[in-house]
C-alpha atoms as a PDB file:
ATOM      1  CA  MET A   1       0.000   0.000   0.000  1.00  0.00           C
ATOM      2  CA  ILE A   2       1.237   3.487  -0.856  1.00  0.00           C
ATOM      3  CA  PHE A   3       0.813   4.701   2.751  1.00  0.00           C
ATOM      4  CA  ASN A   4       3.367   2.132   3.949  1.00  0.00           C
ATOM      5  CA  VAL A   5       5.885   3.427   1.400  1.00  0.00           C
ATOM      6  CA  TRP A   6       5.236   7.022   2.491  1.00  0.00           C
ATOM      7  CA  LYS A   7       5.758   6.004   6.119  1.00  0.00           C
ATOM      8  CA  ASP A   8       9.125   4.363   5.292  1.00  0.00           C
ATOM      9  CA  ILE A   9      10.207   7.479   3.377  1.00  0.00           C
ATOM     10  CA  GLN A  10       9.170   9.776   6.242  1.00  0.00           C
ATOM     11  CA  ASN A  11      11.246   7.579   8.557  1.00  0.00           C
ATOM     12  CA  LYS A  12      14.252   8.237   6.270  1.00  0.00           C
ATOM     13  CA  LYS A  13      14.190   4.709   4.841  1.00  0.00           C
ATOM     14  CA  VAL A  14      14.749   6.038   1.331  1.00  0.00           C
ATOM     15  CA  GLN A  15      15.748   3.601  -1.426  1.00  0.00           C
ATOM     16  CA  PRO A  16      18.160   4.340  -4.323  1.00  0.00           C
ATOM     17  CA  VAL A  17      15.650   3.773  -7.171  1.00  0.00           C
ATOM     18  CA  TYR A  18      11.883   4.274  -7.343  1.00  0.00           C
ATOM     19  CA  LEU A  19       9.453   3.594 -10.184  1.00  0.00           C
ATOM     20  CA  LEU A  20       6.140   5.460  -9.924  1.00  0.00           C
ATOM     21  CA  VAL A  21       3.616   4.052 -12.398  1.00  0.00           C
ATOM     22  CA  GLY A  22       0.041   5.151 -13.016  1.00  0.00           C
ATOM     23  CA  GLU A  23      -2.294   7.974 -13.885  1.00  0.00           C
ATOM     24  CA  GLU A  24      -3.281   9.288 -10.430  1.00  0.00           C
ATOM     25  CA  SER A  25      -1.357  12.571 -10.666  1.00  0.00           C
ATOM     26  CA  PHE A  26      -1.993  13.761  -7.107  1.00  0.00           C
ATOM     27  CA  LEU A  27      -0.522  10.597  -5.546  1.00  0.00           C
ATOM     28  CA  MET A  28       2.423  10.965  -7.930  1.00  0.00           C
ATOM     29  CA  GLN A  29       3.067  14.532  -6.745  1.00  0.00           C
ATOM     30  CA  GLU A  30       2.674  13.597  -3.076  1.00  0.00           C
ATOM     31  CA  THR A  31       5.094  10.673  -3.379  1.00  0.00           C
ATOM     32  CA  LEU A  32       7.676  12.903  -5.060  1.00  0.00           C
ATOM     33  CA  ARG A  33       7.194  15.502  -2.337  1.00  0.00           C
ATOM     34  CA  HIS A  34       7.785  12.892   0.385  1.00  0.00           C
ATOM     35  CA  ILE A  35      10.960  11.609  -1.318  1.00  0.00           C
ATOM     36  CA  VAL A  36      12.458  15.068  -1.874  1.00  0.00           C
ATOM     37  CA  GLN A  37      11.505  16.246   1.626  1.00  0.00           C
ATOM     38  CA  ALA A  38      13.093  13.192   3.254  1.00  0.00           C
ATOM     39  CA  SER A  39      16.268  13.395   1.149  1.00  0.00           C
ATOM     40  CA  LEU A  40      17.162  17.080   0.878  1.00  0.00           C
ATOM     41  CA  LEU A  41      17.113  20.161   3.061  1.00  0.00           C
ATOM     42  CA  GLU A  42      15.390  23.184   1.551  1.00  0.00           C
ATOM     43  CA  GLU A  43      18.710  24.952   0.915  1.00  0.00           C
ATOM     44  CA  GLU A  44      20.123  21.878  -0.861  1.00  0.00           C
ATOM     45  CA  LYS A  45      17.437  21.660  -3.543  1.00  0.00           C
ATOM     46  CA  ASP A  46      18.992  24.243  -5.873  1.00  0.00           C
ATOM     47  CA  PHE A  47      22.196  22.183  -6.067  1.00  0.00           C
ATOM     48  CA  ASN A  48      21.071  18.580  -5.653  1.00  0.00           C
ATOM     49  CA  LEU A  49      17.619  18.264  -7.199  1.00  0.00           C
ATOM     50  CA  SER A  50      17.347  17.668 -10.952  1.00  0.00           C
ATOM     51  CA  VAL A  51      14.360  16.929 -13.177  1.00  0.00           C
ATOM     52  CA  TYR A  52      14.696  15.458 -16.678  1.00  0.00           C
ATOM     53  CA  ASP A  53      11.970  14.879 -19.266  1.00  0.00           C
ATOM     54  CA  MET A  54      12.728  11.841 -21.414  1.00  0.00           C
ATOM     55  CA  GLU A  55      10.730  13.316 -24.282  1.00  0.00           C
ATOM     56  CA  GLU A  56      13.324  16.116 -24.440  1.00  0.00           C
ATOM     57  CA  THR A  57      16.531  14.726 -22.923  1.00  0.00           C
ATOM     58  CA  PRO A  58      18.371  11.415 -23.467  1.00  0.00           C
ATOM     59  CA  VAL A  59      18.411   9.153 -20.429  1.00  0.00           C
ATOM     60  CA  GLU A  60      22.223   8.998 -20.333  1.00  0.00           C
ATOM     61  CA  THR A  61      22.303  12.714 -19.443  1.00  0.00           C
ATOM     62  CA  ALA A  62      20.157  12.042 -16.370  1.00  0.00           C
ATOM     63  CA  ILE A  63      22.310   9.055 -15.409  1.00  0.00           C
ATOM     64  CA  GLU A  64      25.509  11.120 -15.657  1.00  0.00           C
ATOM     65  CA  ASP A  65      23.905  13.570 -13.236  1.00  0.00           C
ATOM     66  CA  ALA A  66      22.939  10.719 -10.907  1.00  0.00           C
ATOM     67  CA  GLU A  67      26.574   9.558 -10.868  1.00  0.00           C
ATOM     68  CA  THR A  68      27.815  13.041  -9.910  1.00  0.00           C
ATOM     69  CA  LEU A  69      28.615  13.600  -6.241  1.00  0.00           C
ATOM     70  CA  PRO A  70      26.183  15.883  -4.397  1.00  0.00           C
ATOM     71  CA  PHE A  71      27.261  19.493  -3.852  1.00  0.00           C
ATOM     72  CA  MET A  72      27.102  20.893  -0.315  1.00  0.00           C
ATOM     73  CA  GLY A  73      24.990  17.991   0.903  1.00  0.00           C
ATOM     74  CA  GLU A  74      24.878  14.235   1.413  1.00  0.00           C
ATOM     75  CA  LYS A  75      22.248  13.268  -1.148  1.00  0.00           C
ATOM     76  CA  ARG A  76      21.198  14.001  -4.705  1.00  0.00           C
ATOM     77  CA  VAL A  77      17.708  13.427  -6.154  1.00  0.00           C
ATOM     78  CA  VAL A  78      17.250  12.877  -9.880  1.00  0.00           C
ATOM     79  CA  ILE A  79      13.690  12.751 -11.206  1.00  0.00           C
ATOM     80  CA  ILE A  80      13.249  11.132 -14.623  1.00  0.00           C
ATOM     81  CA  LYS A  81       9.848  12.012 -16.110  1.00  0.00           C
ATOM     82  CA  ASN A  82       8.022  10.389 -19.041  1.00  0.00           C
ATOM     83  CA  PRO A  83      10.325   7.350 -19.549  1.00  0.00           C
ATOM     84  CA  VAL A  84       8.741   6.441 -22.894  1.00  0.00           C
ATOM     85  CA  PHE A  85      11.371   3.727 -23.428  1.00  0.00           C
ATOM     86  CA  LEU A  86       9.512   1.660 -20.796  1.00  0.00           C
ATOM     87  CA  THR A  87       6.363   1.616 -22.943  1.00  0.00           C
ATOM     88  CA  SER A  88       5.365   0.310 -26.352  1.00  0.00           C
ATOM     89  CA  GLU A  89       4.585   3.854 -27.462  1.00  0.00           C
ATOM     90  CA  LYS A  90       5.885   4.832 -30.895  1.00  0.00           C
ATOM     91  CA  LYS A  91       6.638   8.456 -31.726  1.00  0.00           C
ATOM     92  CA  LYS A  92       7.458  10.096 -35.050  1.00  0.00           C
ATOM     93  CA  GLU A  93      10.431  12.009 -33.701  1.00  0.00           C
ATOM     94  CA  LYS A  94      11.784   9.392 -31.353  1.00  0.00           C
ATOM     95  CA  LEU A  95      14.649  10.540 -29.129  1.00  0.00           C
ATOM     96  CA  GLU A  96      17.509   8.056 -28.980  1.00  0.00           C
ATOM     97  CA  HIS A  97      18.192   6.778 -25.458  1.00  0.00           C
ATOM     98  CA  ARG A  98      21.287   4.770 -24.523  1.00  0.00           C
ATOM     99  CA  VAL A  99      19.317   2.285 -22.454  1.00  0.00           C
ATOM    100  CA  GLU A 100      22.419   0.142 -21.835  1.00  0.00           C
ATOM    101  CA  LYS A 101      23.820   3.039 -19.773  1.00  0.00           C
ATOM    102  CA  LEU A 102      20.649   2.970 -17.676  1.00  0.00           C
ATOM    103  CA  GLU A 103      20.877  -0.809 -17.260  1.00  0.00           C
ATOM    104  CA  GLN A 104      24.404  -0.467 -15.891  1.00  0.00           C
ATOM    105  CA  TYR A 105      23.297   2.162 -13.416  1.00  0.00           C
ATOM    106  CA  ILE A 106      20.262   0.228 -12.189  1.00  0.00           C
ATOM    107  CA  ASN A 107      22.459  -2.799 -11.477  1.00  0.00           C
ATOM    108  CA  SER A 108      24.819  -0.637  -9.436  1.00  0.00           C
ATOM    109  CA  PRO A 109      23.169   2.634  -8.367  1.00  0.00           C
ATOM    110  CA  ALA A 110      25.151   5.436  -6.737  1.00  0.00           C
ATOM    111  CA  PRO A 111      24.790   5.218  -2.925  1.00  0.00           C
ATOM    112  CA  TYR A 112      24.388   8.989  -2.612  1.00  0.00           C
ATOM    113  CA  THR A 113      21.634   9.444  -5.229  1.00  0.00           C
ATOM    114  CA  ILE A 114      17.900   8.732  -5.260  1.00  0.00           C
ATOM    115  CA  VAL A 115      16.609   8.235  -8.809  1.00  0.00           C
ATOM    116  CA  VAL A 116      12.842   8.449  -9.301  1.00  0.00           C
ATOM    117  CA  PHE A 117      11.192   7.355 -12.550  1.00  0.00           C
ATOM    118  CA  VAL A 118       7.839   9.082 -13.060  1.00  0.00           C
ATOM    119  CA  ALA A 119       5.834   6.988 -15.546  1.00  0.00           C
ATOM    120  CA  PRO A 120       2.314   8.473 -15.898  1.00  0.00           C
ATOM    121  CA  TYR A 121       1.086   5.534 -17.960  1.00  0.00           C
ATOM    122  CA  GLU A 122      -1.654   2.984 -17.431  1.00  0.00           C
ATOM    123  CA  LYS A 123       0.823   0.180 -18.113  1.00  0.00           C
ATOM    124  CA  LEU A 124       4.416  -0.468 -19.166  1.00  0.00           C
ATOM    125  CA  ASP A 125       5.772  -2.808 -21.827  1.00  0.00           C
ATOM    126  CA  GLU A 126       6.589  -5.872 -19.727  1.00  0.00           C
ATOM    127  CA  ARG A 127       8.323  -7.531 -22.695  1.00  0.00           C
ATOM    128  CA  LYS A 128      11.233  -5.077 -22.660  1.00  0.00           C
ATOM    129  CA  LYS A 129      14.426  -6.032 -20.879  1.00  0.00           C
ATOM    130  CA  ILE A 130      14.818  -2.573 -19.334  1.00  0.00           C
ATOM    131  CA  THR A 131      11.281  -2.669 -17.920  1.00  0.00           C
ATOM    132  CA  LYS A 132      11.827  -6.087 -16.341  1.00  0.00           C
ATOM    133  CA  LEU A 133      15.164  -4.981 -14.862  1.00  0.00           C
ATOM    134  CA  LEU A 134      13.827  -1.714 -13.475  1.00  0.00           C
ATOM    135  CA  LYS A 135      10.809  -3.405 -11.868  1.00  0.00           C
ATOM    136  CA  LYS A 136      13.124  -5.987 -10.297  1.00  0.00           C
ATOM    137  CA  GLN A 137      15.721  -3.552  -8.966  1.00  0.00           C
ATOM    138  CA  SER A 138      13.529  -0.644  -7.831  1.00  0.00           C
ATOM    139  CA  VAL A 139      10.718   0.114  -5.420  1.00  0.00           C
ATOM    140  CA  VAL A 140       7.625   0.049  -7.637  1.00  0.00           C
ATOM    141  CA  ILE A 141       4.698   2.183  -6.480  1.00  0.00           C
ATOM    142  CA  GLU A 142       1.406   2.046  -8.360  1.00  0.00           C
ATOM    143  CA  MET A 143      -0.357   5.393  -8.734  1.00  0.00           C
ATOM    144  CA  LYS A 144      -3.968   4.259  -8.902  1.00  0.00           C
ATOM    145  CA  SER A 145      -7.223   5.504  -7.402  1.00  0.00           C
ATOM    146  CA  LEU A 146      -7.613   4.843  -3.695  1.00  0.00           C
ATOM    147  CA  SER A 147     -10.377   2.606  -2.458  1.00  0.00           C
ATOM    148  CA  ASP A 148     -13.028   4.211  -0.231  1.00  0.00           C
ATOM    149  CA  ASP A 149     -11.306   2.926   2.916  1.00  0.00           C
ATOM    150  CA  GLU A 150      -7.897   4.119   1.724  1.00  0.00           C
ATOM    151  CA  ALA A 151      -9.258   7.559   0.817  1.00  0.00           C
ATOM    152  CA  ILE A 152     -10.868   7.919   4.250  1.00  0.00           C
ATOM    153  CA  LYS A 153      -7.659   6.841   5.999  1.00  0.00           C
ATOM    154  CA  TRP A 154      -5.673   9.365   3.963  1.00  0.00           C
ATOM    155  CA  MET A 155      -8.166  12.171   4.725  1.00  0.00           C
ATOM    156  CA  LEU A 156      -7.943  11.460   8.455  1.00  0.00           C
ATOM    157  CA  ASN A 157      -4.129  11.524   8.219  1.00  0.00           C
ATOM    158  CA  VAL A 158      -4.223  14.894   6.452  1.00  0.00           C
ATOM    159  CA  ALA A 159      -6.565  16.240   9.153  1.00  0.00           C
ATOM    160  CA  GLN A 160      -4.201  14.922  11.830  1.00  0.00           C
ATOM    161  CA  GLU A 161      -1.259  16.678  10.158  1.00  0.00           C
ATOM    162  CA  GLN A 162      -3.307  19.897  10.190  1.00  0.00           C
ATOM    163  CA  ARG A 163      -4.093  19.266  13.885  1.00  0.00           C
ATOM    164  CA  VAL A 164      -7.842  19.288  13.379  1.00  0.00           C
ATOM    165  CA  GLU A 165     -10.582  16.705  13.901  1.00  0.00           C
ATOM    166  CA  LEU A 166     -12.620  15.466  10.950  1.00  0.00           C
ATOM    167  CA  GLU A 167     -16.056  14.108  11.826  1.00  0.00           C
ATOM    168  CA  LYS A 168     -17.258  10.928  10.080  1.00  0.00           C
ATOM    169  CA  ALA A 169     -20.232  12.677   8.445  1.00  0.00           C
ATOM    170  CA  ALA A 170     -17.893  15.414   7.203  1.00  0.00           C
ATOM    171  CA  VAL A 171     -15.640  12.797   5.592  1.00  0.00           C
ATOM    172  CA  GLU A 172     -18.577  11.299   3.694  1.00  0.00           C
ATOM    173  CA  GLN A 173     -19.886  14.670   2.560  1.00  0.00           C
ATOM    174  CA  LEU A 174     -16.449  15.816   1.409  1.00  0.00           C
ATOM    175  CA  LEU A 175     -16.106  12.638  -0.655  1.00  0.00           C
ATOM    176  CA  VAL A 176     -19.527  13.268  -2.189  1.00  0.00           C
ATOM    177  CA  LEU A 177     -18.906  16.935  -3.018  1.00  0.00           C
ATOM    178  CA  THR A 178     -15.505  16.247  -4.605  1.00  0.00           C
ATOM    179  CA  ALA A 179     -16.495  12.915  -6.232  1.00  0.00           C
ATOM    180  CA  GLY A 180     -13.397  11.431  -4.581  1.00  0.00           C
ATOM    181  CA  ASP A 181     -10.941  13.689  -6.448  1.00  0.00           C
ATOM    182  CA  LEU A 182      -7.819  13.611  -4.257  1.00  0.00           C
ATOM    183  CA  MET A 183      -6.443  16.961  -5.394  1.00  0.00           C
ATOM    184  CA  ALA A 184      -9.788  18.664  -4.697  1.00  0.00           C
ATOM    185  CA  ILE A 185     -10.085  16.923  -1.313  1.00  0.00           C
ATOM    186  CA  HIS A 186      -6.592  18.051  -0.305  1.00  0.00           C
ATOM    187  CA  GLN A 187      -7.275  21.664  -1.284  1.00  0.00           C
ATOM    188  CA  GLU A 188     -10.616  21.684   0.537  1.00  0.00           C
ATOM    189  CA  LEU A 189      -9.085  20.152   3.675  1.00  0.00           C
ATOM    190  CA  GLN A 190      -6.444  22.898   3.717  1.00  0.00           C
ATOM    191  CA  LYS A 191      -9.205  25.514   3.512  1.00  0.00           C
ATOM    192  CA  LEU A 192     -11.424  23.821   6.110  1.00  0.00           C
ATOM    193  CA  SER A 193      -8.492  23.389   8.525  1.00  0.00           C
ATOM    194  CA  THR A 194      -7.605  27.067   8.248  1.00  0.00           C
ATOM    195  CA  TYR A 195     -11.239  27.987   8.913  1.00  0.00           C
ATOM    196  CA  VAL A 196     -11.685  25.899  12.098  1.00  0.00           C
ATOM    197  CA  GLY A 197      -8.127  26.520  13.317  1.00  0.00           C
ATOM    198  CA  GLU A 198      -5.736  24.232  15.189  1.00  0.00           C
ATOM    199  CA  GLY A 199      -7.645  21.936  17.534  1.00  0.00           C
ATOM    200  CA  GLY A 200     -10.912  22.684  15.745  1.00  0.00           C
ATOM    201  CA  ILE A 201     -13.537  20.244  14.493  1.00  0.00           C
ATOM    202  CA  ILE A 202     -14.565  19.997  10.837  1.00  0.00           C
ATOM    203  CA  SER A 203     -18.248  19.096  10.885  1.00  0.00           C
ATOM    204  CA  VAL A 204     -20.600  18.288   8.026  1.00  0.00           C
ATOM    205  CA  GLU A 205     -22.093  21.759   8.500  1.00  0.00           C
ATOM    206  CA  THR A 206     -18.661  23.307   7.967  1.00  0.00           C
ATOM    207  CA  VAL A 207     -18.178  21.251   4.803  1.00  0.00           C
ATOM    208  CA  ASN A 208     -21.557  22.320   3.427  1.00  0.00           C
ATOM    209  CA  LEU A 209     -20.778  25.935   4.268  1.00  0.00           C
ATOM    210  CA  LEU A 210     -17.339  26.162   2.653  1.00  0.00           C
ATOM    211  CA  VAL A 211     -17.099  23.500  -0.055  1.00  0.00           C
ATOM    212  CA  ALA A 212     -18.644  24.703  -3.295  1.00  0.00           C
ATOM    213  CA  ARG A 213     -20.772  22.295  -5.283  1.00  0.00           C
ATOM    214  CA  THR A 214     -19.531  21.645  -8.795  1.00  0.00           C
ATOM    215  CA  LEU A 215     -21.897  21.575 -11.745  1.00  0.00           C
ATOM    216  CA  GLU A 216     -21.483  17.796 -11.834  1.00  0.00           C
ATOM    217  CA  GLN A 217     -22.422  17.548  -8.154  1.00  0.00           C
ATOM    218  CA  ASN A 218     -25.502  19.695  -8.709  1.00  0.00           C
ATOM    219  CA  ILE A 219     -26.535  17.394 -11.554  1.00  0.00           C
ATOM    220  CA  PHE A 220     -26.004  14.381  -9.262  1.00  0.00           C
ATOM    221  CA  ASP A 221     -28.212  16.008  -6.598  1.00  0.00           C
ATOM    222  CA  LEU A 222     -30.824  16.865  -9.227  1.00  0.00           C
ATOM    223  CA  ILE A 223     -30.985  13.231 -10.346  1.00  0.00           C
ATOM    224  CA  GLU A 224     -31.120  12.109  -6.703  1.00  0.00           C
ATOM    225  CA  HIS A 225     -34.168  14.318  -6.156  1.00  0.00           C
ATOM    226  CA  VAL A 226     -35.720  12.983  -9.356  1.00  0.00           C
ATOM    227  CA  ILE A 227     -35.196   9.380  -8.206  1.00  0.00           C
ATOM    228  CA  TYR A 228     -36.928  10.054  -4.903  1.00  0.00           C
ATOM    229  CA  ARG A 229     -39.644  12.107  -6.658  1.00  0.00           C
ATOM    230  CA  ARG A 230     -38.740  15.324  -4.843  1.00  0.00           C
ATOM    231  CA  SER A 231     -39.946  17.583  -7.651  1.00  0.00           C
ATOM    232  CA  LYS A 232     -39.683  20.851  -5.721  1.00  0.00           C
ATOM    233  CA  GLU A 233     -36.018  20.298  -4.794  1.00  0.00           C
ATOM    234  CA  ALA A 234     -35.083  19.044  -8.289  1.00  0.00           C
ATOM    235  CA  LEU A 235     -36.656  22.036 -10.016  1.00  0.00           C
ATOM    236  CA  GLN A 236     -35.037  24.407  -7.488  1.00  0.00           C
ATOM    237  CA  ILE A 237     -31.587  23.097  -8.414  1.00  0.00           C
ATOM    238  CA  PHE A 238     -32.473  23.372 -12.100  1.00  0.00           C
ATOM    239  CA  TYR A 239     -33.595  26.998 -11.800  1.00  0.00           C
ATOM    240  CA  ASP A 240     -30.546  27.858  -9.655  1.00  0.00           C
ATOM    241  CA  LEU A 241     -28.297  26.472 -12.398  1.00  0.00           C
ATOM    242  CA  LEU A 242     -30.059  28.665 -14.963  1.00  0.00           C
ATOM    243  CA  LYS A 243     -29.679  31.702 -12.663  1.00  0.00           C
ATOM    244  CA  ASN A 244     -25.945  30.960 -12.555  1.00  0.00           C
ATOM    245  CA  ASN A 245     -25.925  31.137 -16.375  1.00  0.00           C
ATOM    246  CA  GLU A 246     -25.320  27.440 -16.898  1.00  0.00           C
ATOM    247  CA  GLU A 247     -26.173  26.543 -20.491  1.00  0.00           C
ATOM    248  CA  PRO A 248     -29.174  24.178 -20.887  1.00  0.00           C
ATOM    249  CA  ILE A 249     -27.179  22.193 -23.467  1.00  0.00           C
ATOM    250  CA  LYS A 250     -24.394  21.671 -20.903  1.00  0.00           C
ATOM    251  CA  ILE A 251     -26.924  20.618 -18.247  1.00  0.00           C
ATOM    252  CA  LEU A 252     -28.473  18.182 -20.735  1.00  0.00           C
ATOM    253  CA  SER A 253     -25.059  16.784 -21.625  1.00  0.00           C
ATOM    254  CA  LEU A 254     -24.258  16.087 -17.966  1.00  0.00           C
ATOM    255  CA  LEU A 255     -27.662  14.467 -17.452  1.00  0.00           C
ATOM    256  CA  VAL A 256     -26.887  12.163 -20.382  1.00  0.00           C
ATOM    257  CA  THR A 257     -23.434  11.377 -18.945  1.00  0.00           C
ATOM    258  CA  GLN A 258     -24.814  10.525 -15.505  1.00  0.00           C
ATOM    259  CA  PHE A 259     -27.762   8.433 -16.713  1.00  0.00           C
ATOM    260  CA  ARG A 260     -25.476   6.582 -19.141  1.00  0.00           C
ATOM    261  CA  LEU A 261     -23.117   5.841 -16.261  1.00  0.00           C
ATOM    262  CA  ILE A 262     -26.007   4.601 -14.105  1.00  0.00           C
ATOM    263  CA  LEU A 263     -27.124   2.269 -16.901  1.00  0.00           C
ATOM    264  CA  HIS A 264     -23.597   1.034 -17.542  1.00  0.00           C
ATOM    265  CA  VAL A 265     -22.826   0.230 -13.891  1.00  0.00           C
ATOM    266  CA  LYS A 266     -26.231  -1.445 -13.500  1.00  0.00           C
ATOM    267  CA  GLU A 267     -25.527  -3.745 -16.451  1.00  0.00           C
ATOM    268  CA  LEU A 268     -22.019  -4.568 -15.217  1.00  0.00           C
ATOM    269  CA  SER A 269     -23.135  -5.186 -11.626  1.00  0.00           C
ATOM    270  CA  THR A 270     -25.874  -7.503 -12.937  1.00  0.00           C
ATOM    271  CA  VAL A 271     -23.217  -9.756 -14.493  1.00  0.00           C
ATOM    272  CA  GLY A 272     -21.180  -9.829 -11.279  1.00  0.00           C
ATOM    273  CA  TYR A 273     -18.689  -6.966 -11.589  1.00  0.00           C
ATOM    274  CA  GLY A 274     -17.576  -5.348  -8.326  1.00  0.00           C
ATOM    275  CA  GLN A 275     -17.101  -1.610  -7.734  1.00  0.00           C
ATOM    276  CA  GLN A 276     -13.367  -1.564  -8.536  1.00  0.00           C
ATOM    277  CA  GLN A 277     -13.854  -3.728 -11.654  1.00  0.00           C
ATOM    278  CA  ILE A 278     -16.589  -1.415 -12.909  1.00  0.00           C
ATOM    279  CA  ALA A 279     -14.440   1.670 -12.256  1.00  0.00           C
ATOM    280  CA  SER A 280     -11.592   0.135 -14.236  1.00  0.00           C
ATOM    281  CA  THR A 281     -13.909  -0.892 -17.089  1.00  0.00           C
ATOM    282  CA  VAL A 282     -15.738   2.423 -17.509  1.00  0.00           C
ATOM    283  CA  LYS A 283     -12.648   4.546 -16.655  1.00  0.00           C
ATOM    284  CA  VAL A 284     -14.424   6.433 -13.876  1.00  0.00           C
ATOM    285  CA  HIS A 285     -13.335   7.156 -10.289  1.00  0.00           C
ATOM    286  CA  PRO A 286     -14.455   4.344  -7.916  1.00  0.00           C
ATOM    287  CA  PHE A 287     -16.362   6.780  -5.715  1.00  0.00           C
ATOM    288  CA  ARG A 288     -18.463   7.976  -8.659  1.00  0.00           C
ATOM    289  CA  VAL A 289     -19.186   4.335  -9.431  1.00  0.00           C
ATOM    290  CA  LYS A 290     -20.270   3.761  -5.822  1.00  0.00           C
ATOM    291  CA  LEU A 291     -22.755   6.649  -6.041  1.00  0.00           C
ATOM    292  CA  ALA A 292     -24.009   5.493  -9.453  1.00  0.00           C
ATOM    293  CA  LEU A 293     -24.561   1.980  -8.087  1.00  0.00           C
ATOM    294  CA  GLN A 294     -26.736   3.411  -5.318  1.00  0.00           C
ATOM    295  CA  GLN A 295     -28.846   5.242  -7.895  1.00  0.00           C
ATOM    296  CA  ALA A 296     -28.937   2.269 -10.290  1.00  0.00           C
ATOM    297  CA  ARG A 297     -30.760   0.120  -7.741  1.00  0.00           C
ATOM    298  CA  LEU A 298     -33.745   2.460  -7.982  1.00  0.00           C
ATOM    299  CA  PHE A 299     -34.161   2.113 -11.766  1.00  0.00           C
ATOM    300  CA  GLN A 300     -35.137  -0.705 -14.070  1.00  0.00           C
ATOM    301  CA  THR A 301     -32.779  -1.201 -17.022  1.00  0.00           C
ATOM    302  CA  GLU A 302     -35.622  -0.528 -19.478  1.00  0.00           C
ATOM    303  CA  GLU A 303     -36.467   2.690 -17.633  1.00  0.00           C
ATOM    304  CA  LEU A 304     -32.890   3.961 -17.935  1.00  0.00           C
ATOM    305  CA  ALA A 305     -32.786   3.104 -21.647  1.00  0.00           C
ATOM    306  CA  HIS A 306     -36.057   5.019 -22.145  1.00  0.00           C
ATOM    307  CA  ILE A 307     -34.707   8.059 -20.246  1.00  0.00           C
ATOM    308  CA  LEU A 308     -31.614   8.118 -22.465  1.00  0.00           C
ATOM    309  CA  MET A 309     -33.830   8.011 -25.557  1.00  0.00           C
ATOM    310  CA  GLU A 310     -35.839  10.972 -24.175  1.00  0.00           C
ATOM    311  CA  LEU A 311     -32.603  12.892 -23.564  1.00  0.00           C
ATOM    312  CA  ALA A 312     -31.377  12.108 -27.087  1.00  0.00           C
ATOM    313  CA  GLU A 313     -34.625  13.502 -28.493  1.00  0.00           C
ATOM    314  CA  ALA A 314     -34.322  16.633 -26.329  1.00  0.00           C
ATOM    315  CA  ASP A 315     -30.726  17.075 -27.499  1.00  0.00           C
ATOM    316  CA  TYR A 316     -31.836  16.875 -31.148  1.00  0.00           C
ATOM    317  CA  GLU A 317     -34.628  19.403 -30.618  1.00  0.00           C
ATOM    318  CA  MET A 318     -32.283  21.780 -28.789  1.00  0.00           C
ATOM    319  CA  LYS A 319     -29.631  21.706 -31.496  1.00  0.00           C
ATOM    320  CA  THR A 320     -32.146  22.091 -34.329  1.00  0.00           C
ATOM    321  CA  GLY A 321     -33.933  24.934 -32.565  1.00  0.00           C
ATOM    322  CA  LYS A 322     -37.332  23.217 -32.642  1.00  0.00           C
ATOM    323  CA  LYS A 323     -38.151  24.203 -29.052  1.00  0.00           C
ATOM    324  CA  ASP A 324     -36.886  26.559 -26.356  1.00  0.00           C
ATOM    325  CA  LYS A 325     -33.901  24.991 -24.560  1.00  0.00           C
ATOM    326  CA  GLN A 326     -35.138  25.717 -21.044  1.00  0.00           C
ATOM    327  CA  LEU A 327     -38.638  24.504 -21.864  1.00  0.00           C
ATOM    328  CA  LEU A 328     -37.264  21.205 -23.201  1.00  0.00           C
ATOM    329  CA  LEU A 329     -35.445  20.491 -19.943  1.00  0.00           C
ATOM    330  CA  GLU A 330     -38.459  21.506 -17.855  1.00  0.00           C
ATOM    331  CA  LEU A 331     -40.688  19.161 -19.877  1.00  0.00           C
ATOM    332  CA  PHE A 332     -38.134  16.348 -19.482  1.00  0.00           C
ATOM    333  CA  LEU A 333     -38.025  16.731 -15.683  1.00  0.00           C
ATOM    334  CA  LEU A 334     -41.814  17.023 -15.378  1.00  0.00           C
ATOM    335  CA  LYS A 335     -42.237  13.903 -17.513  1.00  0.00           C
ATOM    336  CA  LEU A 336     -39.933  11.969 -15.128  1.00  0.00           C
ATOM    337  CA  PHE A 337     -42.099  12.937 -12.151  1.00  0.00           C
ATOM    338  CA  LYS A 338     -45.247  12.072 -14.071  1.00  0.00           C
ATOM    339  CA  ASN A 339     -43.879   8.564 -14.673  1.00  0.00           C
ATOM    340  CA  ASP A 340     -43.961   7.827 -10.975  1.00  0.00           C
END
């Protein structure tokens, strides 16, 4: 688990070579921050921290730097970004990398340097010799979405670092309002912690007061009200969105996206897929899948298919100017309530 690696790094158990693989950019940034913070003092970074992009610089240049003794410090950190030579990706203007130089280094890394490979890819080419060697000789950390339990544990750790208390209901609401986006959660926790102050308590009321709802979250709430036939609340959200100058076409598009997701997760769950499997299949954050699964239980598959057909018709009429955009959405919502 990534938290165990972070703990080792914070305890100064830093290894000579790391390979960070995956598309969760926030976890990537946090892991890099932990490594640099544990390895270098602030005043040493100008001299002993280097970053190389393998789409612009040959790998041997980075390795030569890694083999250079640190200046005015004990350690050097070399970050190697976008190591395309670990993938099967083909580029028109391919930069030549002396991978044999890298192989030599990996087999005998400099004791005073920490080399970190930042590979923001879904997967690497496991057939390549260099990939196999690097995975064998380095600490491999997968940058993938956290499970619900992992996300909650991380949020509580962040709150502890900020010396504030995070109530259970506040955790759940923060996850809902950010759709589990780690970067957004981190930013909101910083803001909430500043608001309540050291030793303060972040309650669900505080979250609702300070954390702005995104358009996507408003659409989720609108659909939630529709599901439970709360017409007044659903229409209030709709009219508030219009007051905030949200385009009806954009609102319609997000309704289509959410209902399509609900249908998709319902079909996949019916054939036995779990939450993580569904998230991986539909390329959506696991927390969004969890919420969609909750909504899917309240619809029949045929009902969802019919709703999507209604939305497709509304989209056509909007784009061809056959009816007023706002009126089309109002009629769609009223029709959903009428179907109760």
